[in-house]
Amino acid sequence: MPHCETFLQALRRRGYRITPQREMIVRAIAHSGRHMTAEEVLEEIREQTRSINLATVYRTLDLLVEEGLASRADLGGGRVVYATARHGPHVHLVCRHCGRVIDADIASFDPLFKEIEARYGFTCHPQHFALYGLCEDCRAREERGEGSADPD
């Protein structure tokens, strides 16, 4: 069964009505194979129909996140991206200077999650999140004194 059909069936089982717009949104994100902003989802769907607006896209993406079928990450600078749960848990390292995004292996963060659990009794179940700092190139420029790499 295609990935999008699994999501649509899950929503139906949970009592949600599947409108044509909702179905197009689910199909767009499920078939994209990448992170998408709400605007990118809208742009893709607008190639098929004009009977959809950005508010509908946001509501449906939020529903997918609430139901555990997708995840959302704020990459800074107003860039919020969505990915299906099938994309798997992952971390984005976001350069606060140039905006470069590096995908990192979430397993690298296991010691941190274990420390949080031991120290605070809080169990982490991360799916999709971003950490902000400086990429290698911007950090090197900053160390050479070629201007501040921190835009703030």
Protein backbone atom coordinates (compact mmCIF):
# COMPACT_ATOMS: atom_id res chain seq x y z
CA MET A 1 0.00 0.00 0.00
CA PRO A 2 1.40 3.43 -0.88
CA HIS A 3 2.67 5.58 1.97
CA CYS A 4 -0.06 8.20 1.51
CA GLU A 5 -2.83 5.59 1.61
CA THR A 6 -1.54 4.41 4.99
CA PHE A 7 -1.85 7.97 6.32
CA LEU A 8 -5.31 8.46 4.84
CA GLN A 9 -6.54 5.18 6.33
CA ALA A 10 -5.09 6.11 9.72
CA LEU A 11 -6.94 9.44 9.65
CA ARG A 12 -10.20 7.73 8.63
CA ARG A 13 -9.84 5.18 11.45
CA ARG A 14 -9.37 8.05 13.89
CA GLY A 15 -12.62 9.62 12.73
CA TYR A 16 -11.32 12.37 10.46
CA ARG A 17 -13.11 13.20 7.25
CA ILE A 18 -10.92 13.06 4.17
CA THR A 19 -11.77 16.02 1.98
CA PRO A 20 -10.24 16.33 -1.50
CA GLN A 21 -7.98 19.13 -0.20
CA ARG A 22 -6.84 17.09 2.80
CA GLU A 23 -6.09 14.14 0.54
CA MET A 24 -4.01 16.30 -1.82
CA ILE A 25 -2.01 17.68 1.11
CA VAL A 26 -1.33 14.20 2.49
CA ARG A 27 -0.32 12.96 -0.96
CA ALA A 28 1.99 15.95 -1.54
CA ILE A 29 3.95 15.52 1.68
CA ALA A 30 3.95 11.70 1.56
CA HIS A 31 5.29 11.57 -1.99
CA SER A 32 7.77 14.43 -1.67
CA GLY A 33 10.56 12.40 -0.06
CA ARG A 34 11.88 15.62 1.46
CA HIS A 35 11.08 18.29 4.00
CA MET A 36 8.49 20.78 2.81
CA THR A 37 7.22 24.10 4.03
CA ALA A 38 3.48 24.73 4.03
CA GLU A 39 4.04 27.15 1.16
CA GLU A 40 5.79 24.45 -0.88
CA VAL A 41 2.92 22.05 -0.25
CA LEU A 42 0.46 24.73 -1.39
CA GLU A 43 2.50 25.49 -4.50
CA GLU A 44 2.57 21.82 -5.47
CA ILE A 45 -1.17 21.39 -4.96
CA ARG A 46 -2.00 24.59 -6.81
CA GLU A 47 -0.70 22.87 -9.95
CA GLN A 48 -3.76 20.60 -9.62
CA THR A 49 -6.40 22.94 -8.21
CA ARG A 50 -6.98 26.50 -7.09
CA SER A 51 -9.61 25.46 -4.52
CA ILE A 52 -7.19 25.41 -1.60
CA ASN A 53 -5.59 28.02 0.62
CA LEU A 54 -2.61 28.24 2.95
CA ALA A 55 -4.75 28.05 6.10
CA THR A 56 -6.11 24.66 4.98
CA VAL A 57 -2.56 23.43 4.35
CA TYR A 58 -1.42 24.54 7.81
CA ARG A 59 -4.45 22.98 9.52
CA THR A 60 -3.86 19.65 7.78
CA LEU A 61 -0.12 19.64 8.46
CA ASP A 62 -0.82 20.46 12.11
CA LEU A 63 -3.31 17.59 12.22
CA LEU A 64 -0.70 15.20 10.80
CA VAL A 65 1.78 16.34 13.46
CA GLU A 66 -0.80 16.01 16.26
CA GLU A 67 -1.67 12.50 15.10
CA GLY A 68 2.00 11.46 14.98
CA LEU A 69 1.99 11.01 11.20
CA ALA A 70 4.37 13.90 10.51
CA SER A 71 6.84 16.07 12.36
CA ARG A 72 7.60 19.77 12.31
CA ALA A 73 10.92 21.57 12.80
CA ASP A 74 11.65 25.27 13.01
CA LEU A 75 14.84 25.93 11.05
CA GLY A 76 14.94 29.60 12.02
CA GLY A 77 14.32 32.66 9.92
CA GLY A 78 10.65 31.75 9.57
CA ARG A 79 11.47 28.40 7.93
CA VAL A 80 9.24 25.71 9.41
CA VAL A 81 9.43 22.38 7.62
CA TYR A 82 7.36 19.22 7.80
CA ALA A 83 8.28 15.62 7.08
CA THR A 84 6.30 12.43 7.36
CA ALA A 85 6.95 10.13 10.28
CA ARG A 86 8.31 7.66 7.77
CA HIS A 87 11.22 10.06 7.27
CA GLY A 88 12.36 8.85 10.69
CA PRO A 89 13.82 10.67 13.67
CA HIS A 90 16.45 13.19 12.67
CA VAL A 91 18.26 16.36 13.69
CA HIS A 92 19.02 19.47 11.67
CA LEU A 93 22.10 21.49 12.51
CA VAL A 94 21.28 25.03 11.40
CA CYS A 95 23.95 27.69 10.91
CA ARG A 96 22.67 30.88 12.49
CA HIS A 97 24.80 32.94 10.13
CA CYS A 98 24.47 31.52 6.61
CA GLY A 99 21.37 29.36 7.16
CA ARG A 100 23.03 26.15 5.99
CA VAL A 101 21.23 23.03 7.23
CA ILE A 102 23.17 19.85 7.94
CA ASP A 103 21.29 16.61 8.65
CA ALA A 104 22.80 14.80 11.62
CA ASP A 105 22.40 11.24 12.84
CA ILE A 106 20.10 11.26 15.86
CA ALA A 107 22.04 8.35 17.41
CA SER A 108 24.84 10.85 18.11
CA PHE A 109 22.53 12.45 20.67
CA ASP A 110 21.71 9.27 22.61
CA PRO A 111 24.19 10.08 25.43
CA LEU A 112 22.51 13.47 25.86
CA PHE A 113 19.04 11.90 25.99
CA LYS A 114 20.26 9.37 28.58
CA GLU A 115 21.79 12.17 30.68
CA ILE A 116 18.51 14.12 30.56
CA GLU A 117 16.62 11.04 31.70
CA ALA A 118 19.08 10.31 34.53
CA ARG A 119 19.25 13.91 35.73
CA TYR A 120 15.64 15.05 35.25
CA GLY A 121 13.62 11.84 34.98
CA PHE A 122 12.45 13.04 31.57
CA THR A 123 12.43 10.56 28.71
CA CYS A 124 13.09 12.12 25.30
CA HIS A 125 11.30 10.84 22.22
CA PRO A 126 12.66 13.24 19.61
CA GLN A 127 11.44 12.94 16.05
CA HIS A 128 12.53 16.04 14.22
CA PHE A 129 14.32 19.01 15.71
CA ALA A 130 16.92 21.66 15.01
CA LEU A 131 20.02 22.84 16.84
CA TYR A 132 21.48 26.25 16.07
CA GLY A 133 25.13 27.23 15.92
CA LEU A 134 27.80 27.93 13.33
CA CYS A 135 28.74 25.72 10.42
CA GLU A 136 32.37 24.86 9.85
CA ASP A 137 32.86 27.57 7.20
CA CYS A 138 31.27 30.38 9.23
CA ARG A 139 33.13 29.33 12.37
CA ALA A 140 36.44 29.38 10.44
CA ARG A 141 35.66 32.86 9.06
CA GLU A 142 34.88 34.07 12.57
CA GLU A 143 38.13 32.61 13.93
CA ARG A 144 40.09 34.33 11.15
CA GLY A 145 38.43 37.61 12.11
CA GLU A 146 36.62 38.00 8.78
CA GLY A 147 33.62 39.67 10.30
CA SER A 148 31.18 38.46 12.86
CA ALA A 149 29.51 35.17 12.07
CA ASP A 150 26.75 36.02 14.56
CA PRO A 151 24.06 38.14 12.87
CA ASP A 152 22.67 39.32 16.24
